[in-house]
């Protein structure tokens, strides 16, 4: 019993540590940091002079700033599209609910919950490198028709 508890504790801590490390990988660098990183890499690889280094830094900074602005504009555009899509879905839901009987509404909500759970399972499996849940889902016996 103690051995099983110890193994479970070690496994849990390992999973927690791995997931904590993944969370820190997605930090966004500023345009200045990206330009500096690119310039230093080019300086090492190409043996740039100080004058070349300054010129390359300015070029990298200008491009990194433009890319940052483009990414932010794209992000705002996607957020607006998402909001519009959610509004359309909400309107559709209200229209459907107006047509269904109370029993049908209950069944429809249950079906929606099941589908949401399936989507979450697939999403979790894709985010998990070993994809155990995804593999288990694919190995299910097919339904007979």
Protein backbone atom coordinates (compact mmCIF):
# COMPACT_ATOMS: atom_id res chain seq x y z
CA UNK A 1 0.00 0.00 0.00
CA UNK A 2 2.79 2.41 0.92
CA UNK A 3 4.64 1.56 -2.25
CA UNK A 4 1.55 2.30 -4.37
CA UNK A 5 1.04 5.61 -2.62
CA UNK A 6 4.68 6.53 -3.13
CA UNK A 7 4.52 5.67 -6.83
CA UNK A 8 1.32 7.68 -7.25
CA UNK A 9 2.87 10.69 -5.49
CA UNK A 10 6.01 10.57 -7.64
CA UNK A 11 3.93 10.24 -10.80
CA UNK A 12 1.73 13.20 -9.79
CA UNK A 13 4.71 15.41 -9.02
CA UNK A 14 6.35 14.52 -12.32
CA UNK A 15 3.21 15.39 -14.29
CA UNK A 16 2.86 18.66 -12.37
CA UNK A 17 6.48 19.61 -13.06
CA UNK A 18 6.17 18.88 -16.79
CA UNK A 19 2.97 20.88 -17.14
CA UNK A 20 4.51 23.80 -15.22
CA UNK A 21 7.46 23.86 -17.60
CA UNK A 22 5.19 23.97 -20.64
CA UNK A 23 3.36 27.01 -19.28
CA UNK A 24 6.51 29.15 -19.32
CA UNK A 25 7.42 28.49 -22.96
CA UNK A 26 4.83 30.80 -24.52
CA UNK A 27 6.13 34.16 -23.33
CA UNK A 28 6.09 36.83 -26.01
CA UNK A 29 9.29 38.72 -26.64
CA UNK A 30 9.24 42.43 -27.35
CA UNK A 31 10.33 43.62 -30.81
CA UNK A 32 13.54 44.93 -29.25
CA UNK A 33 14.33 41.55 -27.70
CA UNK A 34 13.66 39.75 -30.98
CA UNK A 35 15.79 42.22 -32.93
CA UNK A 36 18.63 41.90 -30.43
CA UNK A 37 18.47 38.11 -30.52
CA UNK A 38 18.47 37.99 -34.32
CA UNK A 39 21.29 40.53 -34.53
CA UNK A 40 23.49 38.71 -32.04
CA UNK A 41 22.93 35.43 -33.87
CA UNK A 42 23.84 37.03 -37.20
CA UNK A 43 26.88 38.68 -35.60
CA UNK A 44 28.15 35.32 -34.40
CA UNK A 45 27.49 33.53 -37.67
CA UNK A 46 28.64 36.25 -40.08
CA UNK A 47 31.29 38.00 -37.97
CA UNK A 48 29.72 41.44 -38.45
CA UNK A 49 31.60 44.66 -37.72
CA UNK A 50 30.17 47.14 -35.20
CA UNK A 51 28.83 49.35 -37.99
CA UNK A 52 27.16 46.36 -39.70
CA UNK A 53 25.81 45.21 -36.36
CA UNK A 54 24.11 48.58 -35.77
CA UNK A 55 22.62 48.62 -39.28
CA UNK A 56 21.39 45.03 -39.01
CA UNK A 57 19.88 45.78 -35.59
CA UNK A 58 17.92 48.72 -37.04
CA UNK A 59 16.65 46.58 -39.92
CA UNK A 60 15.66 43.76 -37.55
CA UNK A 61 14.02 46.19 -35.14
CA UNK A 62 11.99 47.81 -37.90
CA UNK A 63 10.79 44.45 -39.21
CA UNK A 64 10.07 43.08 -35.74
CA UNK A 65 8.02 46.18 -34.91
CA UNK A 66 6.03 45.82 -38.13
CA UNK A 67 5.40 42.13 -37.44
CA UNK A 68 4.30 42.95 -33.89
CA UNK A 69 1.79 45.51 -35.20
CA UNK A 70 0.52 43.03 -37.80
CA UNK A 71 0.10 40.31 -35.17
CA UNK A 72 -1.83 42.64 -32.89
CA UNK A 73 -4.09 43.77 -35.75
CA UNK A 74 -4.70 40.13 -36.71
CA UNK A 75 -5.46 39.28 -33.09
CA UNK A 76 -8.02 42.08 -32.85
CA UNK A 77 -9.59 41.01 -36.15
CA UNK A 78 -9.87 37.41 -34.96
CA UNK A 79 -11.41 38.54 -31.68
CA UNK A 80 -14.03 40.57 -33.57
CA UNK A 81 -14.82 37.59 -35.80
CA UNK A 82 -15.11 35.34 -32.78
CA UNK A 83 -17.49 37.73 -31.05
CA UNK A 84 -19.66 37.96 -34.18
CA UNK A 85 -19.69 34.18 -34.53
CA UNK A 86 -20.70 33.73 -30.88
CA UNK A 87 -23.57 36.19 -31.36
CA UNK A 88 -24.77 34.27 -34.43
CA UNK A 89 -24.59 30.98 -32.51
CA UNK A 90 -26.53 32.49 -29.61
CA UNK A 91 -29.27 33.70 -31.98
CA UNK A 92 -29.43 30.28 -33.60
CA UNK A 93 -29.71 28.60 -30.19
CA UNK A 94 -32.59 30.87 -29.22
CA UNK A 95 -34.42 30.16 -32.47
CA UNK A 96 -33.98 26.40 -32.05
CA UNK A 97 -35.14 26.49 -28.42
CA UNK A 98 -38.28 28.35 -29.46
CA UNK A 99 -39.22 25.44 -31.75
CA UNK A 100 -38.39 22.48 -29.48
CA UNK A 101 -40.61 20.97 -26.80
CA UNK A 102 -39.28 20.87 -23.21
CA UNK A 103 -38.39 17.17 -23.57
CA UNK A 104 -36.58 17.82 -26.84
CA UNK A 105 -34.72 20.74 -25.28
CA UNK A 106 -33.50 18.49 -22.48
CA UNK A 107 -32.33 15.83 -24.90
CA UNK A 108 -30.71 18.45 -27.15
CA UNK A 109 -28.79 19.91 -24.21
CA UNK A 110 -27.57 16.44 -23.27
CA UNK A 111 -26.37 15.82 -26.83
CA UNK A 112 -24.59 19.17 -26.85
CA UNK A 113 -22.87 18.32 -23.55
CA UNK A 114 -21.72 14.96 -24.95
CA UNK A 115 -20.31 16.61 -28.06
CA UNK A 116 -18.55 19.25 -25.97
CA UNK A 117 -16.98 16.51 -23.86
CA UNK A 118 -15.76 14.71 -27.00
CA UNK A 119 -14.22 17.92 -28.33
CA UNK A 120 -12.51 18.56 -25.01
CA UNK A 121 -11.13 15.03 -24.98
CA UNK A 122 -9.68 15.45 -28.46
CA UNK A 123 -8.25 18.89 -27.58
CA UNK A 124 -6.66 17.53 -24.42
CA UNK A 125 -5.19 14.62 -26.33
CA UNK A 126 -3.64 16.94 -28.90
CA UNK A 127 -2.06 19.05 -26.17
CA UNK A 128 -0.76 15.98 -24.38
CA UNK A 129 2.40 14.70 -26.09
CA UNK A 130 1.74 11.03 -25.39
CA UNK A 131 -1.87 11.37 -26.62
CA UNK A 132 -3.18 8.51 -24.51
CA UNK A 133 -6.76 9.72 -24.52
CA UNK A 134 -6.66 10.25 -28.27
CA UNK A 135 -5.28 6.77 -28.86
CA UNK A 136 -7.90 5.22 -26.58
CA UNK A 137 -10.65 7.10 -28.42
CA UNK A 138 -9.39 5.81 -31.78
CA UNK A 139 -9.20 2.21 -30.53
CA UNK A 140 -12.87 2.07 -29.52
CA UNK A 141 -14.79 -0.63 -31.34
CA UNK A 142 -16.86 0.80 -34.16
CA UNK A 143 -20.60 0.94 -33.70
CA UNK A 144 -22.62 -1.63 -35.62
CA UNK A 145 -25.27 -0.10 -37.82
